[in-house]
Amino acid sequence: MKMREANNLKEEGNEHFKAGRVADALSCYTKALKLNPEAGTDTATYLKNRAACFLKLDKYNEAISDCSTGKNSCHANMAKA
């Protein structure tokens, strides 16, 4: 159930981002991450999307942090396989 809700938030965030409502998109991606904090592809996607928001908002350190965490999330998921 949480995965579905997190995915819905990601989709909502995508719509906000496309419409230029970056702060709203950022909020959706952050909520999705809170619902699905486990390492994996979904988490990496939420982090990647949130990093794009941070870039649009000129918050470069936050973008770098999310990109690094997302990369590590993918590696952790691959190590489990």
C-alpha atoms as a PDB file:
ATOM      1  CA  MET A   1       0.000   0.000   0.000  1.00  0.00           C
ATOM      2  CA  LYS A   2       2.794   2.420   0.864  1.00  0.00           C
ATOM      3  CA  MET A   3       4.534   1.645  -2.428  1.00  0.00           C
ATOM      4  CA  ARG A   4       1.391   2.555  -4.366  1.00  0.00           C
ATOM      5  CA  GLU A   5       0.967   5.776  -2.404  1.00  0.00           C
ATOM      6  CA  ALA A   6       4.642   6.639  -2.912  1.00  0.00           C
ATOM      7  CA  ASN A   7       4.316   6.022  -6.654  1.00  0.00           C
ATOM      8  CA  ASN A   8       1.192   8.215  -6.787  1.00  0.00           C
ATOM      9  CA  LEU A   9       3.135  10.984  -5.063  1.00  0.00           C
ATOM     10  CA  LYS A  10       5.942  10.580  -7.600  1.00  0.00           C
ATOM     11  CA  GLU A  11       3.454  10.926 -10.463  1.00  0.00           C
ATOM     12  CA  GLU A  12       1.901  13.980  -8.806  1.00  0.00           C
ATOM     13  CA  GLY A  13       5.375  15.429  -8.380  1.00  0.00           C
ATOM     14  CA  ASN A  14       6.096  14.817 -12.060  1.00  0.00           C
ATOM     15  CA  GLU A  15       2.985  16.785 -13.028  1.00  0.00           C
ATOM     16  CA  HIS A  16       3.978  19.668 -10.737  1.00  0.00           C
ATOM     17  CA  PHE A  17       7.494  19.665 -12.155  1.00  0.00           C
ATOM     18  CA  LYS A  18       6.243  19.734 -15.759  1.00  0.00           C
ATOM     19  CA  ALA A  19       3.986  22.676 -14.868  1.00  0.00           C
ATOM     20  CA  GLY A  20       6.876  24.564 -13.281  1.00  0.00           C
ATOM     21  CA  ARG A  21       5.625  24.149  -9.705  1.00  0.00           C
ATOM     22  CA  VAL A  22       9.019  22.993  -8.478  1.00  0.00           C
ATOM     23  CA  ALA A  23       8.392  23.507  -4.749  1.00  0.00           C
ATOM     24  CA  ASP A  24       5.232  21.385  -4.956  1.00  0.00           C
ATOM     25  CA  ALA A  25       7.113  18.693  -6.877  1.00  0.00           C
ATOM     26  CA  LEU A  26       9.880  18.723  -4.268  1.00  0.00           C
ATOM     27  CA  SER A  27       7.308  18.195  -1.535  1.00  0.00           C
ATOM     28  CA  CYS A  28       5.764  15.210  -3.345  1.00  0.00           C
ATOM     29  CA  TYR A  29       9.111  13.509  -3.913  1.00  0.00           C
ATOM     30  CA  THR A  30      10.105  14.075  -0.271  1.00  0.00           C
ATOM     31  CA  LYS A  31       6.843  12.514   0.926  1.00  0.00           C
ATOM     32  CA  ALA A  32       7.379   9.557  -1.421  1.00  0.00           C
ATOM     33  CA  LEU A  33      10.838   9.025   0.078  1.00  0.00           C
ATOM     34  CA  LYS A  34       9.401   9.013   3.598  1.00  0.00           C
ATOM     35  CA  LEU A  35       6.923   6.315   2.586  1.00  0.00           C
ATOM     36  CA  ASN A  36       9.594   4.199   0.885  1.00  0.00           C
ATOM     37  CA  PRO A  37      12.955   4.789   2.588  1.00  0.00           C
ATOM     38  CA  GLU A  38      14.418   1.392   1.624  1.00  0.00           C
ATOM     39  CA  ALA A  39      17.283   1.309  -0.848  1.00  0.00           C
ATOM     40  CA  GLY A  40      16.244   0.377  -4.332  1.00  0.00           C
ATOM     41  CA  THR A  41      15.278   1.612  -7.761  1.00  0.00           C
ATOM     42  CA  ASP A  42      12.151   3.449  -6.630  1.00  0.00           C
ATOM     43  CA  THR A  43      14.090   5.294  -3.951  1.00  0.00           C
ATOM     44  CA  ALA A  44      16.784   6.199  -6.461  1.00  0.00           C
ATOM     45  CA  THR A  45      14.099   7.581  -8.800  1.00  0.00           C
ATOM     46  CA  TYR A  46      12.554   9.738  -6.071  1.00  0.00           C
ATOM     47  CA  LEU A  47      16.005  11.031  -5.166  1.00  0.00           C
ATOM     48  CA  LYS A  48      16.871  11.740  -8.816  1.00  0.00           C
ATOM     49  CA  ASN A  49      13.632  13.640  -9.283  1.00  0.00           C
ATOM     50  CA  ARG A  50      14.138  15.569  -6.064  1.00  0.00           C
ATOM     51  CA  ALA A  51      17.692  16.424  -7.138  1.00  0.00           C
ATOM     52  CA  ALA A  52      16.267  17.922 -10.345  1.00  0.00           C
ATOM     53  CA  CYS A  53      14.035  20.137  -8.188  1.00  0.00           C
ATOM     54  CA  PHE A  54      16.988  21.200  -6.069  1.00  0.00           C
ATOM     55  CA  LEU A  55      18.898  22.126  -9.231  1.00  0.00           C
ATOM     56  CA  LYS A  56      15.988  24.283 -10.441  1.00  0.00           C
ATOM     57  CA  LEU A  57      15.979  25.983  -7.024  1.00  0.00           C
ATOM     58  CA  ASP A  58      19.775  26.561  -7.145  1.00  0.00           C
ATOM     59  CA  LYS A  59      20.282  24.284  -4.130  1.00  0.00           C
ATOM     60  CA  TYR A  60      23.330  22.526  -5.493  1.00  0.00           C
ATOM     61  CA  ASN A  61      24.588  20.892  -2.302  1.00  0.00           C
ATOM     62  CA  GLU A  62      21.200  19.260  -1.741  1.00  0.00           C
ATOM     63  CA  ALA A  63      21.149  18.056  -5.364  1.00  0.00           C
ATOM     64  CA  ILE A  64      24.615  16.531  -4.995  1.00  0.00           C
ATOM     65  CA  SER A  65      23.584  14.843  -1.763  1.00  0.00           C
ATOM     66  CA  ASP A  66      20.479  13.287  -3.328  1.00  0.00           C
ATOM     67  CA  CYS A  67      22.450  12.106  -6.360  1.00  0.00           C
ATOM     68  CA  SER A  68      25.066  10.476  -4.136  1.00  0.00           C
ATOM     69  CA  THR A  69      22.430   8.837  -1.946  1.00  0.00           C
ATOM     70  CA  GLY A  70      20.554   7.621  -5.015  1.00  0.00           C
ATOM     71  CA  LYS A  71      23.704   6.099  -6.471  1.00  0.00           C
ATOM     72  CA  ASN A  72      24.439   4.340  -3.194  1.00  0.00           C
ATOM     73  CA  SER A  73      20.833   3.163  -3.026  1.00  0.00           C
ATOM     74  CA  CYS A  74      21.171   1.445  -6.406  1.00  0.00           C
ATOM     75  CA  HIS A  75      24.457  -0.167  -5.394  1.00  0.00           C
ATOM     76  CA  ALA A  76      22.967  -1.434  -2.143  1.00  0.00           C
ATOM     77  CA  ASN A  77      20.052  -2.938  -4.046  1.00  0.00           C
ATOM     78  CA  MET A  78      22.420  -4.660  -6.500  1.00  0.00           C
ATOM     79  CA  ALA A  79      24.444  -6.117  -3.627  1.00  0.00           C
ATOM     80  CA  LYS A  80      21.286  -7.811  -2.264  1.00  0.00           C
ATOM     81  CA  ALA A  81      20.603  -9.575  -5.565  1.00  0.00           C
END
